[in-house]
Amino acid sequence: MPIQEIVQLKRPENEEMKAAFLLAIHCAPILRGSKAANIVTVTQEEFFRVYHLLEGTEICCRFFKTKEEMGISYLYREREIGEYLHTEKIQSFLNGYGYQNSSTSDMLEQLAERISMYNHGKIVFPHEIGIFLEYPLHDVKGFLANNGRNYAYSGYWKVYQELEGALQTFKRYDEDRDYVIRAVLSGRAIREIVMDTVLE
């Protein structure tokens, strides 16, 4: 049975369980250590539940407000995403959008400011957020050059180059999602799942 059907059969018993399923479905790769960052759209209330579920782990959370009570919960492993953001080619790309060669925290502040500017109609949506999600630079550039069209494949992101490698990555992410959903269904806590990944 597909994992999505399993989730539909078991309705979350409470709001904490609902937040756990939200993380399992949308953020499993970072929980399993396959990815440096993930996002999920949440209310502010849901963000605080997500934050609570991840307390005591190496995963950090930030809330980027988008509209009314909704926003983006940005989950990241600070060391890993920092290493990616500070590579020369990524820094060169981000400099073109006004980001300075600064700390990861400072760059996230700049991203938050650009999202706020978008919310107020001052700029188009800052699609360079794909870089902050560790998407390949060539695919972020491809997305921007094609206005999100003409892609070779659409999965966890829109793929413009190196399709075979992307498909292998997507398969691993799918396996992460299935693992985490099954673990949550069996009663394991998100924190426990994340900490077990560290020990593997």
Protein backbone atom coordinates (compact mmCIF):
# COMPACT_ATOMS: atom_id res chain seq x y z
CA MET A 1 0.00 0.00 0.00
CA PRO A 2 1.37 3.46 -0.90
CA ILE A 3 2.62 5.35 2.13
CA GLN A 4 0.18 8.23 1.49
CA GLU A 5 -2.73 5.81 1.86
CA ILE A 6 -1.32 4.51 5.15
CA VAL A 7 -1.27 8.07 6.51
CA GLN A 8 -4.87 8.63 5.40
CA LEU A 9 -5.97 5.53 7.32
CA LYS A 10 -4.52 6.82 10.60
CA ARG A 11 -5.76 10.27 11.47
CA PRO A 12 -3.52 12.26 13.82
CA GLU A 13 -4.70 11.88 17.40
CA ASN A 14 -3.62 15.38 18.45
CA GLU A 15 -1.93 18.53 17.17
CA GLU A 16 1.55 17.27 18.05
CA MET A 17 0.98 14.12 16.01
CA LYS A 18 -0.31 16.27 13.16
CA ALA A 19 2.93 18.27 13.25
CA ALA A 20 4.94 15.04 13.30
CA PHE A 21 3.16 13.83 10.15
CA LEU A 22 3.75 17.23 8.54
CA LEU A 23 7.48 16.84 9.13
CA ALA A 24 7.47 13.19 8.04
CA ILE A 25 5.76 13.95 4.73
CA HIS A 26 7.51 17.21 3.81
CA CYS A 27 10.86 17.21 5.63
CA ALA A 28 12.00 13.59 5.94
CA PRO A 29 15.30 14.09 4.03
CA ILE A 30 16.63 16.57 6.61
CA LEU A 31 15.38 14.42 9.47
CA ARG A 32 17.33 11.47 8.04
CA GLY A 33 20.44 13.54 7.30
CA SER A 34 20.21 13.24 3.50
CA LYS A 35 19.64 16.96 3.03
CA ALA A 36 20.88 20.15 4.67
CA ALA A 37 17.57 22.05 4.56
CA ASN A 38 13.84 21.70 3.93
CA ILE A 39 10.80 23.97 4.00
CA VAL A 40 7.16 23.41 4.76
CA THR A 41 4.28 25.89 4.71
CA VAL A 42 2.77 26.28 8.18
CA THR A 43 0.77 28.58 10.43
CA GLN A 44 2.66 30.28 13.24
CA GLU A 45 1.03 27.87 15.68
CA GLU A 46 2.19 24.89 13.63
CA PHE A 47 5.69 26.37 13.47
CA PHE A 48 5.94 26.41 17.27
CA ARG A 49 4.88 22.76 17.37
CA VAL A 50 7.50 21.87 14.78
CA TYR A 51 10.10 23.82 16.74
CA HIS A 52 9.17 21.92 19.90
CA LEU A 53 9.40 18.54 18.16
CA LEU A 54 12.95 19.33 17.02
CA GLU A 55 14.27 20.77 20.29
CA GLY A 56 17.45 19.03 21.38
CA THR A 57 18.44 18.03 17.84
CA GLU A 58 20.96 19.59 15.45
CA ILE A 59 18.15 20.86 13.23
CA CYS A 60 17.45 24.60 13.50
CA CYS A 61 14.14 26.27 12.60
CA ARG A 62 13.22 29.71 11.33
CA PHE A 63 9.83 31.15 10.44
CA PHE A 64 9.56 33.30 7.33
CA LYS A 65 6.19 35.05 7.36
CA THR A 66 4.41 35.14 4.02
CA LYS A 67 0.79 36.26 4.48
CA GLU A 68 -1.59 36.66 7.39
CA GLU A 69 -0.87 33.79 9.79
CA MET A 70 0.90 31.64 7.19
CA GLY A 71 4.60 31.32 6.59
CA ILE A 72 7.49 29.09 5.66
CA SER A 73 9.12 26.91 8.28
CA TYR A 74 12.76 26.69 7.20
CA LEU A 75 14.54 23.72 8.75
CA TYR A 76 18.30 23.53 8.38
CA ARG A 77 21.43 21.86 9.65
CA GLU A 78 23.64 24.87 10.28
CA ARG A 79 27.04 23.33 9.56
CA GLU A 80 25.97 21.54 6.38
CA ILE A 81 23.98 24.40 4.83
CA GLY A 82 26.72 26.82 5.85
CA GLU A 83 29.32 24.80 3.99
CA TYR A 84 27.12 24.77 0.88
CA LEU A 85 26.30 28.48 1.01
CA HIS A 86 29.95 29.43 1.42
CA THR A 87 31.29 27.61 -1.63
CA GLU A 88 32.76 30.02 -4.16
CA LYS A 89 30.22 29.39 -6.95
CA ILE A 90 27.26 29.76 -4.58
CA GLN A 91 28.64 32.96 -3.05
CA SER A 92 29.18 34.38 -6.53
CA PHE A 93 25.57 33.58 -7.47
CA LEU A 94 24.08 35.01 -4.26
CA ASN A 95 26.15 38.18 -4.57
CA GLY A 96 24.12 38.91 -7.70
CA TYR A 97 21.01 39.11 -5.49
CA GLY A 98 22.60 41.41 -2.94
CA TYR A 99 23.77 38.82 -0.45
CA GLN A 100 27.06 39.57 1.22
CA ASN A 101 29.86 37.10 1.93
CA SER A 102 28.76 36.86 5.56
CA SER A 103 27.69 34.33 8.14
CA THR A 104 24.93 31.83 7.47
CA SER A 105 22.76 33.63 10.01
CA ASP A 106 23.27 36.96 8.23
CA MET A 107 22.40 35.44 4.87
CA LEU A 108 19.21 33.96 6.34
CA GLU A 109 18.33 37.43 7.65
CA GLN A 110 18.81 38.77 4.13
CA LEU A 111 16.57 36.01 2.75
CA ALA A 112 13.91 36.83 5.36
CA GLU A 113 14.11 40.50 4.34
CA ARG A 114 13.69 39.60 0.66
CA ILE A 115 10.66 37.43 1.47
CA SER A 116 9.23 40.37 3.42
CA MET A 117 9.85 42.67 0.44
CA TYR A 118 8.00 40.17 -1.77
CA ASN A 119 5.09 40.11 0.70
CA HIS A 120 4.83 43.89 0.35
CA GLY A 121 4.91 43.76 -3.46
CA LYS A 122 8.36 45.30 -3.78
CA ILE A 123 10.09 42.41 -5.58
CA VAL A 124 9.17 39.14 -7.29
CA PHE A 125 9.40 36.01 -5.17
CA PRO A 126 13.05 35.36 -4.24
CA HIS A 127 13.53 32.07 -6.10
CA GLU A 128 17.15 32.00 -4.97
CA ILE A 129 15.59 30.32 -1.93
CA GLY A 130 16.35 27.14 -3.91
CA ILE A 131 20.01 27.66 -3.04
CA PHE A 132 19.10 27.76 0.65
CA LEU A 133 17.42 24.38 0.11
CA GLU A 134 20.64 22.93 -1.32
CA TYR A 135 19.17 22.58 -4.82
CA PRO A 136 21.85 22.28 -7.53
CA LEU A 137 22.97 25.67 -8.78
CA HIS A 138 22.45 24.72 -12.43
CA ASP A 139 18.80 23.87 -11.72
CA VAL A 140 18.17 27.09 -9.80
CA LYS A 141 19.68 29.02 -12.71
CA GLY A 142 17.60 26.96 -15.15
CA PHE A 143 14.42 27.71 -13.23
CA LEU A 144 15.15 31.45 -13.22
CA ALA A 145 16.13 31.55 -16.90
CA ASN A 146 12.98 29.67 -17.95
CA ASN A 147 10.51 31.21 -15.48
CA GLY A 148 9.89 27.75 -14.06
CA ARG A 149 9.05 26.23 -17.47
CA ASN A 150 10.84 23.92 -19.94
CA TYR A 151 12.21 21.62 -17.24
CA ALA A 152 13.25 18.03 -17.92
CA TYR A 153 11.55 16.66 -14.80
CA SER A 154 9.66 17.96 -11.77
CA GLY A 155 10.24 16.22 -8.46
CA TYR A 156 11.56 17.68 -5.22
CA TRP A 157 12.67 20.54 -7.46
CA LYS A 158 12.48 21.27 -11.19
CA VAL A 159 15.38 19.61 -12.97
CA TYR A 160 17.07 21.24 -15.95
CA GLN A 161 20.37 19.34 -16.05
CA GLU A 162 21.85 16.06 -14.81
CA LEU A 163 18.51 14.26 -14.69
CA GLU A 164 19.89 10.83 -13.82
CA GLY A 165 21.64 12.12 -10.71
CA ALA A 166 18.53 14.06 -9.67
CA LEU A 167 16.34 10.95 -10.04
CA GLN A 168 18.70 8.99 -7.79
CA THR A 169 18.49 11.77 -5.21
CA PHE A 170 14.68 11.85 -5.45
CA LYS A 171 14.57 8.08 -4.90
CA ARG A 172 16.64 8.47 -1.72
CA TYR A 173 14.36 11.25 -0.51
CA ASP A 174 11.31 9.05 -1.17
CA GLU A 175 12.91 6.28 0.88
CA ASP A 176 13.57 8.78 3.68
CA ARG A 177 9.93 9.88 3.62
CA ASP A 178 8.61 6.32 3.72
CA TYR A 179 10.97 5.44 6.59
CA VAL A 180 9.99 8.47 8.70
CA ILE A 181 6.25 8.05 8.08
CA ARG A 182 6.42 4.41 9.12
CA ALA A 183 8.44 5.34 12.19
CA VAL A 184 5.89 8.00 13.22
CA LEU A 185 3.03 5.55 12.59
CA SER A 186 4.77 3.08 14.91
CA GLY A 187 4.79 5.69 17.68
CA ARG A 188 8.37 6.95 17.52
CA ALA A 189 9.02 10.63 18.29
CA ILE A 190 10.53 12.93 15.67
CA ARG A 191 13.38 13.77 18.04
CA GLU A 192 14.18 10.08 18.45
CA ILE A 193 14.18 9.55 14.67
CA VAL A 194 16.58 12.46 14.18
CA MET A 195 18.90 11.35 16.98
CA ASP A 196 18.99 7.77 15.68
CA THR A 197 20.17 9.13 12.34
CA VAL A 198 23.15 10.72 14.09
CA LEU A 199 24.11 7.33 15.53
CA GLU A 200 23.79 5.37 12.27
